[in-house]
Amino acid sequence: MDAAHDEIKVDGLTVATQSYLFFALNKPAGVVATMEDPDGRQCLGDYVNNRETRLFHVGRLDTETEGIILLTNHGELAHRLTHPKYGVVKTYLAAIQGPIRATWASSWRRA
């Protein structure tokens, strides 16, 4: 079967083949890293207009953190990239202004 050339029909109706969407969103500080927020705060979903498919965010960034976050309609891929059982290594780069308190730095390393 070749989804690019074959047509799939059920009861005479053509079934649409799945196409995957991937967006890299530069999340600003102050935006909640969810697609919807029940408290009405600004969230990732506010940056995606006219979407006809469910999008998943791959990972999270703290509300006050800014940076690139991946959005996709490929739920299985999002799950495999974020669930700890798959062991996907993640690397973060942080720019910190001012001194780091020793108590904060030692607790952060343990996390």
Protein backbone atom coordinates (compact mmCIF):
# COMPACT_ATOMS: atom_id res chain seq x y z
CA MET A 1 0.00 0.00 0.00
CA ASP A 2 1.26 3.47 -0.92
CA ALA A 3 -0.67 6.21 0.93
CA ALA A 4 0.60 8.80 -1.56
CA HIS A 5 -1.06 7.00 -4.49
CA ASP A 6 -3.65 4.58 -3.11
CA GLU A 7 -7.17 5.63 -2.17
CA ILE A 8 -8.78 4.08 0.90
CA LYS A 9 -12.57 3.83 0.98
CA VAL A 10 -14.99 2.68 3.66
CA ASP A 11 -18.63 2.24 2.63
CA GLY A 12 -17.85 4.17 -0.54
CA LEU A 13 -16.38 7.19 1.29
CA THR A 14 -12.72 8.14 0.92
CA VAL A 15 -10.77 8.04 4.16
CA ALA A 16 -8.22 10.82 4.54
CA THR A 17 -4.67 9.71 5.21
CA GLN A 18 -2.90 11.19 8.21
CA SER A 19 -0.37 13.92 7.61
CA TYR A 20 1.80 15.00 10.49
CA LEU A 21 2.35 18.59 11.50
CA PHE A 22 5.36 19.90 13.41
CA PHE A 23 5.78 23.43 14.72
CA ALA A 24 8.67 24.94 16.66
CA LEU A 25 7.20 27.68 18.84
CA ASN A 26 9.40 30.22 20.62
CA LYS A 27 7.41 30.32 23.86
CA PRO A 28 7.58 33.72 25.52
CA ALA A 29 7.95 34.12 29.28
CA GLY A 30 4.57 34.28 31.02
CA VAL A 31 2.90 31.71 28.74
CA VAL A 32 1.68 28.44 30.30
CA ALA A 33 3.10 25.35 28.53
CA THR A 34 -0.28 23.71 27.91
CA MET A 35 -2.56 23.79 24.89
CA GLU A 36 -5.50 25.07 26.99
CA ASP A 37 -5.65 26.65 30.42
CA PRO A 38 -8.80 26.34 32.58
CA ASP A 39 -7.73 29.47 34.50
CA GLY A 40 -7.73 31.57 31.33
CA ARG A 41 -4.02 32.31 31.35
CA GLN A 42 -2.20 32.76 28.05
CA CYS A 43 -1.10 29.31 26.81
CA LEU A 44 0.49 27.59 23.80
CA GLY A 45 -2.89 27.03 22.14
CA ASP A 46 -3.33 30.80 21.89
CA TYR A 47 -0.50 30.90 19.34
CA VAL A 48 -1.99 28.36 16.92
CA ASN A 49 -4.92 29.60 14.84
CA ASN A 50 -7.33 27.67 12.61
CA ARG A 51 -6.20 24.25 13.72
CA GLU A 52 -8.43 21.38 12.74
CA THR A 53 -6.41 18.69 14.48
CA ARG A 54 -5.33 18.16 18.07
CA LEU A 55 -1.81 19.32 18.80
CA PHE A 56 0.44 18.00 21.55
CA HIS A 57 3.31 19.90 23.14
CA VAL A 58 6.53 17.95 23.40
CA GLY A 59 7.80 18.61 26.91
CA ARG A 60 7.18 21.62 29.08
CA LEU A 61 8.84 24.88 29.93
CA ASP A 62 8.12 26.71 33.17
CA THR A 63 5.68 29.58 32.77
CA GLU A 64 8.38 32.22 33.26
CA THR A 65 10.84 30.39 30.97
CA GLU A 66 11.14 31.29 27.32
CA GLY A 67 12.42 29.03 24.57
CA ILE A 68 11.62 26.65 21.73
CA ILE A 69 8.93 24.03 22.29
CA LEU A 70 7.75 21.52 19.70
CA LEU A 71 4.02 21.20 18.86
CA THR A 72 2.78 18.25 16.78
CA ASN A 73 -0.33 16.28 15.94
CA HIS A 74 1.79 13.10 16.11
CA GLY A 75 0.69 11.94 19.57
CA GLU A 76 2.73 8.74 19.58
CA LEU A 77 5.93 10.63 18.78
CA ALA A 78 5.19 13.24 21.47
CA HIS A 79 4.64 10.43 23.98
CA ARG A 80 7.86 8.61 23.04
CA LEU A 81 9.90 11.83 23.27
CA THR A 82 8.56 12.84 26.68
CA HIS A 83 7.82 9.68 28.68
CA PRO A 84 10.73 8.71 30.95
CA LYS A 85 10.48 5.00 30.10
CA TYR A 86 11.87 5.71 26.59
CA GLY A 87 15.01 7.34 28.02
CA VAL A 88 15.27 10.19 25.51
CA VAL A 89 18.13 12.41 26.64
CA LYS A 90 17.31 16.10 26.78
CA THR A 91 19.77 18.97 26.91
CA TYR A 92 18.89 22.43 28.19
CA LEU A 93 20.85 25.64 27.88
CA ALA A 94 20.19 28.30 30.47
CA ALA A 95 21.40 31.89 30.60
CA ILE A 96 21.40 33.10 34.19
CA GLN A 97 21.74 36.71 35.25
CA GLY A 98 23.32 37.43 38.60
CA PRO A 99 24.90 35.15 41.17
CA ILE A 100 23.60 31.64 41.88
CA ARG A 101 22.91 30.98 45.55
CA ALA A 102 24.77 27.90 46.80
CA THR A 103 21.60 26.39 48.35
CA TRP A 104 19.70 26.69 45.06
CA ALA A 105 22.55 25.29 42.98
CA SER A 106 23.05 22.22 45.19
CA SER A 107 19.34 21.38 45.26
CA TRP A 108 19.07 21.83 41.49
CA ARG A 109 21.90 19.36 40.83
CA ARG A 110 20.08 16.67 42.83
CA ALA A 111 16.88 16.99 40.79
